[in-house]
Structure formats: C-alpha cells, structure tokens
PDB file of N, CA and C in Angstrom:
ATOM      1  N   MET A   1       2.771 -62.558 128.953  1.00  0.00           N
ATOM      2  CA  MET A   1       2.126 -62.432 130.255  1.00  0.00           C
ATOM      3  C   MET A   1       2.859 -63.364 131.261  1.00  0.00           C
ATOM      4  N   PRO A   2       3.320 -62.795 132.341  1.00  0.00           N
ATOM      5  CA  PRO A   2       4.037 -63.676 133.320  1.00  0.00           C
ATOM      6  C   PRO A   2       3.081 -64.659 133.933  1.00  0.00           C
ATOM      7  N   ALA A   3       3.662 -65.804 134.446  1.00  0.00           N
ATOM      8  CA  ALA A   3       2.873 -66.743 135.236  1.00  0.00           C
ATOM      9  C   ALA A   3       2.357 -66.052 136.519  1.00  0.00           C
ATOM     10  N   GLU A   4       1.255 -66.515 136.902  1.00  0.00           N
ATOM     11  CA  GLU A   4       0.572 -65.983 138.121  1.00  0.00           C
ATOM     12  C   GLU A   4       1.513 -66.015 139.336  1.00  0.00           C
ATOM     13  N   ALA A   5       2.280 -67.098 139.532  1.00  0.00           N
ATOM     14  CA  ALA A   5       3.131 -67.258 140.631  1.00  0.00           C
ATOM     15  C   ALA A   5       4.292 -66.279 140.596  1.00  0.00           C
ATOM     16  N   ASP A   6       4.803 -66.022 139.304  1.00  0.00           N
ATOM     17  CA  ASP A   6       5.878 -65.107 139.106  1.00  0.00           C
ATOM     18  C   ASP A   6       5.377 -63.664 139.455  1.00  0.00           C
ATOM     19  N   ALA A   7       4.162 -63.293 138.951  1.00  0.00           N
ATOM     20  CA  ALA A   7       3.676 -62.025 139.215  1.00  0.00           C
ATOM     21  C   ALA A   7       3.436 -61.788 140.745  1.00  0.00           C
ATOM     22  N   ALA A   8       2.934 -62.785 141.454  1.00  0.00           N
ATOM     23  CA  ALA A   8       2.696 -62.658 142.865  1.00  0.00           C
ATOM     24  C   ALA A   8       3.987 -62.548 143.637  1.00  0.00           C
ATOM     25  N   ALA A   9       5.059 -63.203 143.152  1.00  0.00           N
ATOM     26  CA  ALA A   9       6.372 -63.130 143.809  1.00  0.00           C
ATOM     27  C   ALA A   9       6.918 -61.741 143.593  1.00  0.00           C
ATOM     28  N   VAL A  10       6.803 -61.165 142.404  1.00  0.00           N
ATOM     29  CA  VAL A  10       7.294 -59.827 142.161  1.00  0.00           C
ATOM     30  C   VAL A  10       6.545 -58.808 143.027  1.00  0.00           C
ATOM     31  N   ARG A  11       5.236 -58.961 143.135  1.00  0.00           N
ATOM     32  CA  ARG A  11       4.458 -58.011 143.965  1.00  0.00           C
ATOM     33  C   ARG A  11       4.882 -58.151 145.427  1.00  0.00           C
ATOM     34  N   ALA A  12       5.127 -59.304 145.913  1.00  0.00           N
ATOM     35  CA  ALA A  12       5.488 -59.498 147.303  1.00  0.00           C
ATOM     36  C   ALA A  12       6.858 -58.812 147.562  1.00  0.00           C
ATOM     37  N   THR A  13       7.814 -58.910 146.622  1.00  0.00           N
ATOM     38  CA  THR A  13       9.083 -58.339 146.808  1.00  0.00           C
ATOM     39  C   THR A  13       9.031 -56.829 146.816  1.00  0.00           C
ATOM     40  N   VAL A  14       8.221 -56.250 145.857  1.00  0.00           N
ATOM     41  CA  VAL A  14       8.093 -54.833 145.828  1.00  0.00           C
ATOM     42  C   VAL A  14       7.475 -54.309 147.184  1.00  0.00           C
ATOM     43  N   ASP A  15       6.364 -55.065 147.598  1.00  0.00           N
ATOM     44  CA  ASP A  15       5.722 -54.670 148.811  1.00  0.00           C
ATOM     45  C   ASP A  15       6.621 -54.719 150.009  1.00  0.00           C
ATOM     46  N   ALA A  16       7.444 -55.763 150.066  1.00  0.00           N
ATOM     47  CA  ALA A  16       8.439 -55.883 151.179  1.00  0.00           C
ATOM     48  C   ALA A  16       9.487 -54.699 151.169  1.00  0.00           C
ATOM     49  N   PHE A  17       9.937 -54.322 149.990  1.00  0.00           N
ATOM     50  CA  PHE A  17      10.874 -53.198 149.884  1.00  0.00           C
ATOM     51  C   PHE A  17      10.175 -51.911 150.335  1.00  0.00           C
ATOM     52  N   ASN A  18       8.851 -51.674 149.906  1.00  0.00           N
ATOM     53  CA  ASN A  18       8.179 -50.435 150.257  1.00  0.00           C
ATOM     54  C   ASN A  18       7.809 -50.481 151.731  1.00  0.00           C
ATOM     55  N   ASP A  19       7.850 -51.568 152.427  1.00  0.00           N
ATOM     56  CA  ASP A  19       7.382 -51.586 153.815  1.00  0.00           C
ATOM     57  C   ASP A  19       8.592 -51.283 154.771  1.00  0.00           C
ATOM     58  N   THR A  20       9.234 -50.126 154.561  1.00  0.00           N
ATOM     59  CA  THR A  20      10.336 -49.734 155.359  1.00  0.00           C
ATOM     60  C   THR A  20      10.128 -48.274 155.731  1.00  0.00           C
ATOM     61  N   ALA A  21      10.682 -47.776 156.914  1.00  0.00           N
ATOM     62  CA  ALA A  21      10.406 -46.430 157.325  1.00  0.00           C
ATOM     63  C   ALA A  21      11.698 -45.550 157.251  1.00  0.00           C
ATOM     64  N   THR A  22      12.833 -46.126 157.467  1.00  0.00           N
ATOM     65  CA  THR A  22      14.104 -45.309 157.541  1.00  0.00           C
ATOM     66  C   THR A  22      15.098 -45.741 156.468  1.00  0.00           C
ATOM     67  N   PRO A  23      16.005 -44.855 156.185  1.00  0.00           N
ATOM     68  CA  PRO A  23      17.063 -45.245 155.185  1.00  0.00           C
ATOM     69  C   PRO A  23      17.810 -46.484 155.601  1.00  0.00           C
ATOM     70  N   ALA A  24      18.135 -46.639 156.913  1.00  0.00           N
ATOM     71  CA  ALA A  24      18.843 -47.815 157.350  1.00  0.00           C
ATOM     72  C   ALA A  24      18.004 -49.084 157.196  1.00  0.00           C
ATOM     73  N   ASP A  25      16.707 -48.943 157.520  1.00  0.00           N
ATOM     74  CA  ASP A  25      15.826 -50.120 157.393  1.00  0.00           C
ATOM     75  C   ASP A  25      15.725 -50.534 155.901  1.00  0.00           C
ATOM     76  N   GLN A  26      15.603 -49.483 155.035  1.00  0.00           N
ATOM     77  CA  GLN A  26      15.456 -49.828 153.639  1.00  0.00           C
ATOM     78  C   GLN A  26      16.728 -50.463 153.072  1.00  0.00           C
ATOM     79  N   ARG A  27      17.830 -49.954 153.455  1.00  0.00           N
ATOM     80  CA  ARG A  27      19.078 -50.566 152.985  1.00  0.00           C
ATOM     81  C   ARG A  27      19.218 -52.066 153.420  1.00  0.00           C
ATOM     82  N   GLN A  28      18.798 -52.336 154.644  1.00  0.00           N
ATOM     83  CA  GLN A  28      18.854 -53.674 155.135  1.00  0.00           C
ATOM     84  C   GLN A  28      17.798 -54.545 154.314  1.00  0.00           C
ATOM     85  N   ARG A  29      16.633 -53.987 154.134  1.00  0.00           N
ATOM     86  CA  ARG A  29      15.629 -54.772 153.408  1.00  0.00           C
ATOM     87  C   ARG A  29      16.111 -54.977 151.960  1.00  0.00           C
ATOM     88  N   LEU A  30      16.714 -54.025 151.343  1.00  0.00           N
ATOM     89  CA  LEU A  30      17.238 -54.155 149.983  1.00  0.00           C
ATOM     90  C   LEU A  30      18.254 -55.276 149.996  1.00  0.00           C
ATOM     91  N   ALA A  31      19.187 -55.265 150.904  1.00  0.00           N
ATOM     92  CA  ALA A  31      20.200 -56.392 150.961  1.00  0.00           C
ATOM     93  C   ALA A  31      19.520 -57.708 151.038  1.00  0.00           C
ATOM     94  N   ASP A  32      18.441 -57.804 151.812  1.00  0.00           N
ATOM     95  CA  ASP A  32      17.667 -59.091 151.922  1.00  0.00           C
ATOM     96  C   ASP A  32      16.955 -59.485 150.641  1.00  0.00           C
ATOM     97  N   LEU A  33      16.560 -58.543 149.833  1.00  0.00           N
ATOM     98  CA  LEU A  33      15.747 -58.787 148.639  1.00  0.00           C
ATOM     99  C   LEU A  33      16.476 -58.854 147.348  1.00  0.00           C
ATOM    100  N   VAL A  34      17.803 -58.510 147.389  1.00  0.00           N
ATOM    101  CA  VAL A  34      18.655 -58.619 146.128  1.00  0.00           C
ATOM    102  C   VAL A  34      19.033 -60.076 145.929  1.00  0.00           C
ATOM    103  N   GLU A  35      19.271 -60.381 144.648  1.00  0.00           N
ATOM    104  CA  GLU A  35      19.687 -61.715 144.288  1.00  0.00           C
ATOM    105  C   GLU A  35      20.863 -62.122 145.275  1.00  0.00           C
ATOM    106  N   PRO A  36      20.761 -63.239 145.875  1.00  0.00           N
ATOM    107  CA  PRO A  36      21.743 -63.721 146.870  1.00  0.00           C
ATOM    108  C   PRO A  36      23.192 -63.652 146.387  1.00  0.00           C
ATOM    109  N   ASP A  37      23.484 -64.041 145.192  1.00  0.00           N
ATOM    110  CA  ASP A  37      24.865 -64.039 144.712  1.00  0.00           C
ATOM    111  C   ASP A  37      25.360 -62.642 144.281  1.00  0.00           C
ATOM    112  N   ARG A  38      24.484 -61.604 144.418  1.00  0.00           N
ATOM    113  CA  ARG A  38      24.871 -60.197 144.096  1.00  0.00           C
ATOM    114  C   ARG A  38      24.716 -59.242 145.234  1.00  0.00           C
ATOM    115  N   ARG A  39      24.498 -59.753 146.443  1.00  0.00           N
ATOM    116  CA  ARG A  39      24.357 -58.888 147.616  1.00  0.00           C
ATOM    117  C   ARG A  39      25.514 -58.024 147.956  1.00  0.00           C
ATOM    118  N   ASN A  40      26.650 -58.431 147.608  1.00  0.00           N
ATOM    119  CA  ASN A  40      27.913 -57.698 147.931  1.00  0.00           C
ATOM    120  C   ASN A  40      27.934 -56.370 147.152  1.00  0.00           C
ATOM    121  N   GLU A  41      27.167 -56.333 146.020  1.00  0.00           N
ATOM    122  CA  GLU A  41      27.079 -55.055 145.232  1.00  0.00           C
ATOM    123  C   GLU A  41      26.323 -53.992 145.981  1.00  0.00           C
ATOM    124  N   VAL A  42      25.355 -54.371 146.765  1.00  0.00           N
ATOM    125  CA  VAL A  42      24.622 -53.355 147.578  1.00  0.00           C
ATOM    126  C   VAL A  42      25.480 -52.903 148.745  1.00  0.00           C
ATOM    127  N   GLU A  43      26.345 -53.736 149.320  1.00  0.00           N
ATOM    128  CA  GLU A  43      27.189 -53.444 150.433  1.00  0.00           C
ATOM    129  C   GLU A  43      28.134 -52.270 150.060  1.00  0.00           C
ATOM    130  N   ARG A  44      28.442 -52.187 148.824  1.00  0.00           N
ATOM    131  CA  ARG A  44      29.343 -51.090 148.295  1.00  0.00           C
ATOM    132  C   ARG A  44      28.624 -49.680 148.288  1.00  0.00           C
ATOM    133  N   CYS A  45      27.337 -49.668 148.325  1.00  0.00           N
ATOM    134  CA  CYS A  45      26.621 -48.350 148.270  1.00  0.00           C
ATOM    135  C   CYS A  45      26.912 -47.500 149.489  1.00  0.00           C
ATOM    136  N   ALA A  46      26.996 -46.189 149.267  1.00  0.00           N
ATOM    137  CA  ALA A  46      27.213 -45.218 150.356  1.00  0.00           C
ATOM    138  C   ALA A  46      25.924 -45.248 151.192  1.00  0.00           C
ATOM    139  N   ALA A  47      26.011 -44.856 152.487  1.00  0.00           N
ATOM    140  CA  ALA A  47      24.865 -44.761 153.308  1.00  0.00           C
ATOM    141  C   ALA A  47      23.850 -43.813 152.755  1.00  0.00           C
ATOM    142  N   ALA A  48      22.569 -44.149 152.826  1.00  0.00           N
ATOM    143  CA  ALA A  48      21.568 -43.274 152.228  1.00  0.00           C
ATOM    144  C   ALA A  48      20.977 -42.303 153.271  1.00  0.00           C
ATOM    145  N   SER A  49      20.498 -41.204 152.769  1.00  0.00           N
ATOM    146  CA  SER A  49      19.834 -40.211 153.549  1.00  0.00           C
ATOM    147  C   SER A  49      18.352 -40.066 153.204  1.00  0.00           C
ATOM    148  N   THR A  50      17.943 -40.825 152.183  1.00  0.00           N
ATOM    149  CA  THR A  50      16.585 -40.767 151.726  1.00  0.00           C
ATOM    150  C   THR A  50      16.025 -42.212 151.645  1.00  0.00           C
ATOM    151  N   THR A  51      14.688 -42.308 151.480  1.00  0.00           N
ATOM    152  CA  THR A  51      14.079 -43.537 151.220  1.00  0.00           C
ATOM    153  C   THR A  51      13.350 -43.396 149.869  1.00  0.00           C
ATOM    154  N   VAL A  52      13.075 -44.571 149.315  1.00  0.00           N
ATOM    155  CA  VAL A  52      12.409 -44.603 147.987  1.00  0.00           C
ATOM    156  C   VAL A  52      11.176 -45.525 148.162  1.00  0.00           C
ATOM    157  N   ARG A  53      10.059 -45.064 147.542  1.00  0.00           N
ATOM    158  CA  ARG A  53       8.837 -45.899 147.450  1.00  0.00           C
ATOM    159  C   ARG A  53       8.576 -46.150 145.990  1.00  0.00           C
ATOM    160  N   PHE A  54       8.402 -47.419 145.696  1.00  0.00           N
ATOM    161  CA  PHE A  54       8.096 -47.750 144.277  1.00  0.00           C
ATOM    162  C   PHE A  54       6.603 -47.918 144.141  1.00  0.00           C
ATOM    163  N   GLU A  55       6.156 -47.337 142.957  1.00  0.00           N
ATOM    164  CA  GLU A  55       4.740 -47.442 142.526  1.00  0.00           C
ATOM    165  C   GLU A  55       4.734 -48.051 141.151  1.00  0.00           C
ATOM    166  N   PRO A  56       4.767 -49.434 141.104  1.00  0.00           N
ATOM    167  CA  PRO A  56       4.896 -50.122 139.837  1.00  0.00           C
ATOM    168  C   PRO A  56       3.661 -50.120 139.008  1.00  0.00           C
ATOM    169  N   VAL A  57       3.843 -50.305 137.651  1.00  0.00           N
ATOM    170  CA  VAL A  57       2.736 -50.489 136.792  1.00  0.00           C
ATOM    171  C   VAL A  57       2.771 -52.036 136.475  1.00  0.00           C
ATOM    172  N   TYR A  58       2.028 -52.771 137.255  1.00  0.00           N
ATOM    173  CA  TYR A  58       2.110 -54.267 137.200  1.00  0.00           C
ATOM    174  C   TYR A  58       1.624 -54.748 135.851  1.00  0.00           C
ATOM    175  N   ALA A  59       0.684 -53.967 135.166  1.00  0.00           N
ATOM    176  CA  ALA A  59       0.267 -54.434 133.855  1.00  0.00           C
ATOM    177  C   ALA A  59       1.408 -54.371 132.806  1.00  0.00           C
ATOM    178  N   GLY A  60       2.423 -53.652 133.073  1.00  0.00           N
ATOM    179  CA  GLY A  60       3.633 -53.587 132.208  1.00  0.00           C
ATOM    180  C   GLY A  60       4.655 -54.633 132.513  1.00  0.00           C
ATOM    181  N   LEU A  61       4.508 -55.506 133.448  1.00  0.00           N
ATOM    182  CA  LEU A  61       5.499 -56.557 133.871  1.00  0.00           C
ATOM    183  C   LEU A  61       5.740 -57.448 132.627  1.00  0.00           C
ATOM    184  N   ARG A  62       7.034 -57.568 132.174  1.00  0.00           N
ATOM    185  CA  ARG A  62       7.282 -58.419 131.065  1.00  0.00           C
ATOM    186  C   ARG A  62       8.606 -59.112 131.196  1.00  0.00           C
ATOM    187  N   ALA A  63       8.704 -60.293 130.681  1.00  0.00           N
ATOM    188  CA  ALA A  63       9.958 -61.033 130.750  1.00  0.00           C
ATOM    189  C   ALA A  63      10.951 -60.450 129.746  1.00  0.00           C
ATOM    190  N   LEU A  64      12.229 -60.476 130.154  1.00  0.00           N
ATOM    191  CA  LEU A  64      13.296 -59.955 129.264  1.00  0.00           C
ATOM    192  C   LEU A  64      13.914 -61.093 128.434  1.00  0.00           C
ATOM    193  N   ALA A  65      13.823 -60.992 127.183  1.00  0.00           N
ATOM    194  CA  ALA A  65      14.382 -62.019 126.365  1.00  0.00           C
ATOM    195  C   ALA A  65      15.884 -62.208 126.526  1.00  0.00           C
ATOM    196  N   GLY A  66      16.353 -63.366 126.594  1.00  0.00           N
ATOM    197  CA  GLY A  66      17.734 -63.666 126.739  1.00  0.00           C
ATOM    198  C   GLY A  66      18.319 -63.473 128.124  1.00  0.00           C
ATOM    199  N   GLU A  67      17.532 -63.075 129.110  1.00  0.00           N
ATOM    200  CA  GLU A  67      18.021 -62.812 130.446  1.00  0.00           C
ATOM    201  C   GLU A  67      17.627 -63.969 131.410  1.00  0.00           C
ATOM    202  N   SER A  68      16.981 -64.991 130.906  1.00  0.00           N
ATOM    203  CA  SER A  68      16.514 -66.080 131.789  1.00  0.00           C
ATOM    204  C   SER A  68      17.528 -67.247 131.868  1.00  0.00           C
ATOM    205  N   GLY A  69      17.473 -67.909 133.052  1.00  0.00           N
ATOM    206  CA  GLY A  69      18.331 -69.075 133.204  1.00  0.00           C
ATOM    207  C   GLY A  69      17.429 -70.319 133.131  1.00  0.00           C
ATOM    208  N   PRO A  70      18.011 -71.477 133.480  1.00  0.00           N
ATOM    209  CA  PRO A  70      17.190 -72.727 133.400  1.00  0.00           C
ATOM    210  C   PRO A  70      16.055 -72.767 134.396  1.00  0.00           C
ATOM    211  N   SER A  71      16.218 -72.134 135.528  1.00  0.00           N
ATOM    212  CA  SER A  71      15.143 -72.149 136.540  1.00  0.00           C
ATOM    213  C   SER A  71      14.812 -70.684 136.997  1.00  0.00           C
ATOM    214  N   SER A  72      15.084 -69.713 136.162  1.00  0.00           N
ATOM    215  CA  SER A  72      14.810 -68.358 136.612  1.00  0.00           C
ATOM    216  C   SER A  72      14.377 -67.536 135.352  1.00  0.00           C
ATOM    217  N   THR A  73      13.645 -66.504 135.595  1.00  0.00           N
ATOM    218  CA  THR A  73      13.174 -65.594 134.564  1.00  0.00           C
ATOM    219  C   THR A  73      13.418 -64.190 135.089  1.00  0.00           C
ATOM    220  N   THR A  74      14.012 -63.338 134.245  1.00  0.00           N
ATOM    221  CA  THR A  74      14.252 -61.901 134.598  1.00  0.00           C
ATOM    222  C   THR A  74      13.075 -61.077 133.933  1.00  0.00           C
ATOM    223  N   TYR A  75      12.481 -60.212 134.832  1.00  0.00           N
ATOM    224  CA  TYR A  75      11.370 -59.404 134.361  1.00  0.00           C
ATOM    225  C   TYR A  75      11.768 -57.959 134.448  1.00  0.00           C
ATOM    226  N   ALA A  76      11.163 -57.103 133.641  1.00  0.00           N
ATOM    227  CA  ALA A  76      11.226 -55.664 133.687  1.00  0.00           C
ATOM    228  C   ALA A  76       9.913 -55.178 134.189  1.00  0.00           C
ATOM    229  N   LEU A  77       9.925 -54.212 135.074  1.00  0.00           N
ATOM    230  CA  LEU A  77       8.715 -53.627 135.688  1.00  0.00           C
ATOM    231  C   LEU A  77       8.769 -52.144 135.681  1.00  0.00           C
ATOM    232  N   PRO A  78       7.980 -51.561 134.807  1.00  0.00           N
ATOM    233  CA  PRO A  78       7.967 -50.025 134.781  1.00  0.00           C
ATOM    234  C   PRO A  78       7.479 -49.548 136.172  1.00  0.00           C
ATOM    235  N   THR A  79       8.110 -48.513 136.641  1.00  0.00           N
ATOM    236  CA  THR A  79       7.842 -48.065 138.051  1.00  0.00           C
ATOM    237  C   THR A  79       8.008 -46.552 138.173  1.00  0.00           C
ATOM    238  N   LEU A  80       7.120 -45.914 138.899  1.00  0.00           N
ATOM    239  CA  LEU A  80       7.426 -44.541 139.409  1.00  0.00           C
ATOM    240  C   LEU A  80       8.080 -44.637 140.701  1.00  0.00           C
ATOM    241  N   ALA A  81       9.208 -43.969 140.885  1.00  0.00           N
ATOM    242  CA  ALA A  81       9.914 -43.941 142.167  1.00  0.00           C
ATOM    243  C   ALA A  81       9.704 -42.622 142.808  1.00  0.00           C
ATOM    244  N   ARG A  82       9.243 -42.668 144.061  1.00  0.00           N
ATOM    245  CA  ARG A  82       9.074 -41.439 144.780  1.00  0.00           C
ATOM    246  C   ARG A  82      10.212 -41.427 145.892  1.00  0.00           C
ATOM    247  N   VAL A  83      10.895 -40.279 145.993  1.00  0.00           N
ATOM    248  CA  VAL A  83      12.056 -40.191 146.859  1.00  0.00           C
ATOM    249  C   VAL A  83      11.664 -39.295 148.086  1.00  0.00           C
ATOM    250  N   TYR A  84      11.902 -39.745 149.276  1.00  0.00           N
ATOM    251  CA  TYR A  84      11.472 -39.061 150.487  1.00  0.00           C
ATOM    252  C   TYR A  84      12.693 -38.777 151.403  1.00  0.00           C
ATOM    253  N   SER A  85      12.591 -37.598 152.005  1.00  0.00           N
ATOM    254  CA  SER A  85      13.539 -37.254 153.096  1.00  0.00           C
ATOM    255  C   SER A  85      12.594 -37.094 154.314  1.00  0.00           C
ATOM    256  N   SER A  86      12.722 -38.002 155.191  1.00  0.00           N
ATOM    257  CA  SER A  86      11.728 -38.167 156.321  1.00  0.00           C
ATOM    258  C   SER A  86      10.398 -38.407 155.710  1.00  0.00           C
ATOM    259  N   ASP A  87       9.401 -37.570 156.016  1.00  0.00           N
ATOM    260  CA  ASP A  87       8.066 -37.706 155.414  1.00  0.00           C
ATOM    261  C   ASP A  87       7.799 -36.809 154.227  1.00  0.00           C
ATOM    262  N   ARG A  88       8.856 -36.102 153.770  1.00  0.00           N
ATOM    263  CA  ARG A  88       8.702 -35.079 152.743  1.00  0.00           C
ATOM    264  C   ARG A  88       9.130 -35.610 151.395  1.00  0.00           C
ATOM    265  N   LEU A  89       8.256 -35.511 150.460  1.00  0.00           N
ATOM    266  CA  LEU A  89       8.545 -35.993 149.057  1.00  0.00           C
ATOM    267  C   LEU A  89       9.512 -34.955 148.479  1.00  0.00           C
ATOM    268  N   VAL A  90      10.719 -35.451 148.016  1.00  0.00           N
ATOM    269  CA  VAL A  90      11.730 -34.552 147.461  1.00  0.00           C
ATOM    270  C   VAL A  90      12.046 -34.819 146.036  1.00  0.00           C
ATOM    271  N   GLY A  91      11.461 -35.849 145.462  1.00  0.00           N
ATOM    272  CA  GLY A  91      11.715 -36.141 144.055  1.00  0.00           C
ATOM    273  C   GLY A  91      10.924 -37.338 143.569  1.00  0.00           C
ATOM    274  N   THR A  92      10.761 -37.382 142.272  1.00  0.00           N
ATOM    275  CA  THR A  92      10.156 -38.482 141.559  1.00  0.00           C
ATOM    276  C   THR A  92      10.994 -38.839 140.315  1.00  0.00           C
ATOM    277  N   ASP A  93      10.898 -40.039 139.883  1.00  0.00           N
ATOM    278  CA  ASP A  93      11.555 -40.473 138.764  1.00  0.00           C
ATOM    279  C   ASP A  93      10.889 -41.691 138.146  1.00  0.00           C
ATOM    280  N   LEU A  94      10.972 -41.882 136.787  1.00  0.00           N
ATOM    281  CA  LEU A  94      10.516 -43.094 136.180  1.00  0.00           C
ATOM    282  C   LEU A  94      11.683 -44.011 135.954  1.00  0.00           C
ATOM    283  N   THR A  95      11.454 -45.298 136.266  1.00  0.00           N
ATOM    284  CA  THR A  95      12.493 -46.232 136.173  1.00  0.00           C
ATOM    285  C   THR A  95      11.894 -47.570 135.736  1.00  0.00           C
ATOM    286  N   THR A  96      12.767 -48.548 135.402  1.00  0.00           N
ATOM    287  CA  THR A  96      12.331 -49.909 135.164  1.00  0.00           C
ATOM    288  C   THR A  96      13.080 -50.765 136.103  1.00  0.00           C
ATOM    289  N   LEU A  97      12.373 -51.372 137.070  1.00  0.00           N
ATOM    290  CA  LEU A  97      12.996 -52.326 137.931  1.00  0.00           C
ATOM    291  C   LEU A  97      13.247 -53.626 137.200  1.00  0.00           C
ATOM    292  N   GLN A  98      14.334 -54.280 137.508  1.00  0.00           N
ATOM    293  CA  GLN A  98      14.557 -55.670 137.013  1.00  0.00           C
ATOM    294  C   GLN A  98      14.502 -56.597 138.253  1.00  0.00           C
ATOM    295  N   LEU A  99      13.710 -57.610 138.061  1.00  0.00           N
ATOM    296  CA  LEU A  99      13.556 -58.603 139.113  1.00  0.00           C
ATOM    297  C   LEU A  99      13.785 -60.047 138.518  1.00  0.00           C
ATOM    298  N   VAL A 100      14.511 -60.841 139.262  1.00  0.00           N
ATOM    299  CA  VAL A 100      14.724 -62.203 138.886  1.00  0.00           C
ATOM    300  C   VAL A 100      13.886 -63.116 139.673  1.00  0.00           C
ATOM    301  N   VAL A 101      13.027 -63.911 139.006  1.00  0.00           N
ATOM    302  CA  VAL A 101      12.133 -64.850 139.742  1.00  0.00           C
ATOM    303  C   VAL A 101      12.761 -66.204 139.505  1.00  0.00           C
ATOM    304  N   ASN A 102      12.949 -66.914 140.645  1.00  0.00           N
ATOM    305  CA  ASN A 102      13.599 -68.127 140.770  1.00  0.00           C
ATOM    306  C   ASN A 102      12.654 -69.164 141.384  1.00  0.00           C
ATOM    307  N   ALA A 103      12.451 -70.297 140.721  1.00  0.00           N
ATOM    308  CA  ALA A 103      11.602 -71.361 141.272  1.00  0.00           C
ATOM    309  C   ALA A 103      12.416 -72.614 141.466  1.00  0.00           C
ATOM    310  N   ALA A 104      13.692 -72.572 141.530  1.00  0.00           N
ATOM    311  CA  ALA A 104      14.597 -73.714 141.628  1.00  0.00           C
ATOM    312  C   ALA A 104      14.357 -74.564 142.885  1.00  0.00           C
ATOM    313  N   THR A 105      13.979 -73.954 144.000  1.00  0.00           N
ATOM    314  CA  THR A 105      13.839 -74.597 145.278  1.00  0.00           C
ATOM    315  C   THR A 105      12.422 -75.131 145.418  1.00  0.00           C
ATOM    316  N   GLY A 106      11.545 -74.893 144.446  1.00  0.00           N
ATOM    317  CA  GLY A 106      10.139 -75.337 144.616  1.00  0.00           C
ATOM    318  C   GLY A 106       9.295 -74.253 145.132  1.00  0.00           C
ATOM    319  N   VAL A 107       9.959 -73.170 145.548  1.00  0.00           N
ATOM    320  CA  VAL A 107       9.258 -72.009 146.079  1.00  0.00           C
ATOM    321  C   VAL A 107       9.551 -70.811 145.139  1.00  0.00           C
ATOM    322  N   THR A 108       8.594 -70.217 144.557  1.00  0.00           N
ATOM    323  CA  THR A 108       8.789 -69.092 143.667  1.00  0.00           C
ATOM    324  C   THR A 108       9.098 -67.808 144.435  1.00  0.00           C
ATOM    325  N   GLU A 109      10.326 -67.293 144.218  1.00  0.00           N
ATOM    326  CA  GLU A 109      10.752 -66.050 144.904  1.00  0.00           C
ATOM    327  C   GLU A 109      11.246 -65.076 143.904  1.00  0.00           C
ATOM    328  N   ALA A 110      11.040 -63.799 144.081  1.00  0.00           N
ATOM    329  CA  ALA A 110      11.537 -62.735 143.244  1.00  0.00           C
ATOM    330  C   ALA A 110      12.630 -61.902 143.963  1.00  0.00           C
ATOM    331  N   TYR A 111      13.675 -61.655 143.266  1.00  0.00           N
ATOM    332  CA  TYR A 111      14.786 -60.880 143.833  1.00  0.00           C
ATOM    333  C   TYR A 111      15.036 -59.658 142.944  1.00  0.00           C
ATOM    334  N   LEU A 112      15.258 -58.563 143.571  1.00  0.00           N
ATOM    335  CA  LEU A 112      15.690 -57.341 142.914  1.00  0.00           C
ATOM    336  C   LEU A 112      17.137 -57.489 142.410  1.00  0.00           C
ATOM    337  N   THR A 113      17.404 -56.823 141.285  1.00  0.00           N
ATOM    338  CA  THR A 113      18.798 -56.616 140.873  1.00  0.00           C
ATOM    339  C   THR A 113      19.365 -55.477 141.671  1.00  0.00           C
ATOM    340  N   PRO A 114      20.649 -55.474 141.929  1.00  0.00           N
ATOM    341  CA  PRO A 114      21.290 -54.417 142.878  1.00  0.00           C
ATOM    342  C   PRO A 114      21.115 -52.992 142.360  1.00  0.00           C
ATOM    343  N   PHE A 115      20.864 -52.097 143.282  1.00  0.00           N
ATOM    344  CA  PHE A 115      20.886 -50.669 143.056  1.00  0.00           C
ATOM    345  C   PHE A 115      21.144 -49.969 144.324  1.00  0.00           C
ATOM    346  N   CYS A 116      21.552 -48.740 144.265  1.00  0.00           N
ATOM    347  CA  CYS A 116      21.846 -47.931 145.462  1.00  0.00           C
ATOM    348  C   CYS A 116      20.787 -46.856 145.602  1.00  0.00           C
ATOM    349  N   VAL A 117      20.460 -46.543 146.863  1.00  0.00           N
ATOM    350  CA  VAL A 117      19.600 -45.420 147.206  1.00  0.00           C
ATOM    351  C   VAL A 117      20.485 -44.398 147.949  1.00  0.00           C
ATOM    352  N   ASN A 118      20.467 -43.206 147.552  1.00  0.00           N
ATOM    353  CA  ASN A 118      21.319 -42.245 148.197  1.00  0.00           C
ATOM    354  C   ASN A 118      20.595 -41.311 149.164  1.00  0.00           C
TER     355      ASN A 118
END
C-alpha cells in the first residue's frame, strides 16, 4: 500500500493531466508533468490531434520493485484511457501508467514517465 502522501501526489498529477481541453494544451501539460530529466523525450513526439483522459483504478496503485531510488518510488497505476477527437470519444484502451514519486525536496511530487499522444 503506497504512503498517503504518495497516493495524493499521484492523484494530483493525473488530475492535472486530465484538466486540459485541446491537444496542444495536453502536450504542454504532459511536458510539465513528466520527470524533469526526461522531458526531452516528450519533445520528440509528433503533434497530437487527439486528447486522452485517464480513468485510473487507484485501488491498484502499487510500487514497482527494483524501480525506486534513494528518494523516489516508481508506481504502476492501472488505467482506462479514453481517446477523444474534439468532444467525440474515438477509442479506449487499458494501460498501466508509471509515475515516479519524489520527496527529495521535502515536497512529495509525482511525475509521469514519458509517452506520446497522437
């Protein structure tokens, strides 16, 4: 079971990602929410024409063994991804998001691992 602060940070990051309206907004938000030292990986993604909304199963949030650092923990979060073109639902998929929770600065923050939205 993840620490309460870690779970809250994960929820805040997913909510921030979902709180976007356009593909350009979502791409910028993703760049802001990806691990700082891996943001260049998102910059290589082609421009998106869709947006994605994540519907996580927070009860399934679990730490990944062997993926944690001295001040960070990597979590797997089972998620339903809904893909939209404008306001129209055009697809769904099941995925597992990976988020890195870092408390090194005294503030617990969760970062997404890089991915592209097309």
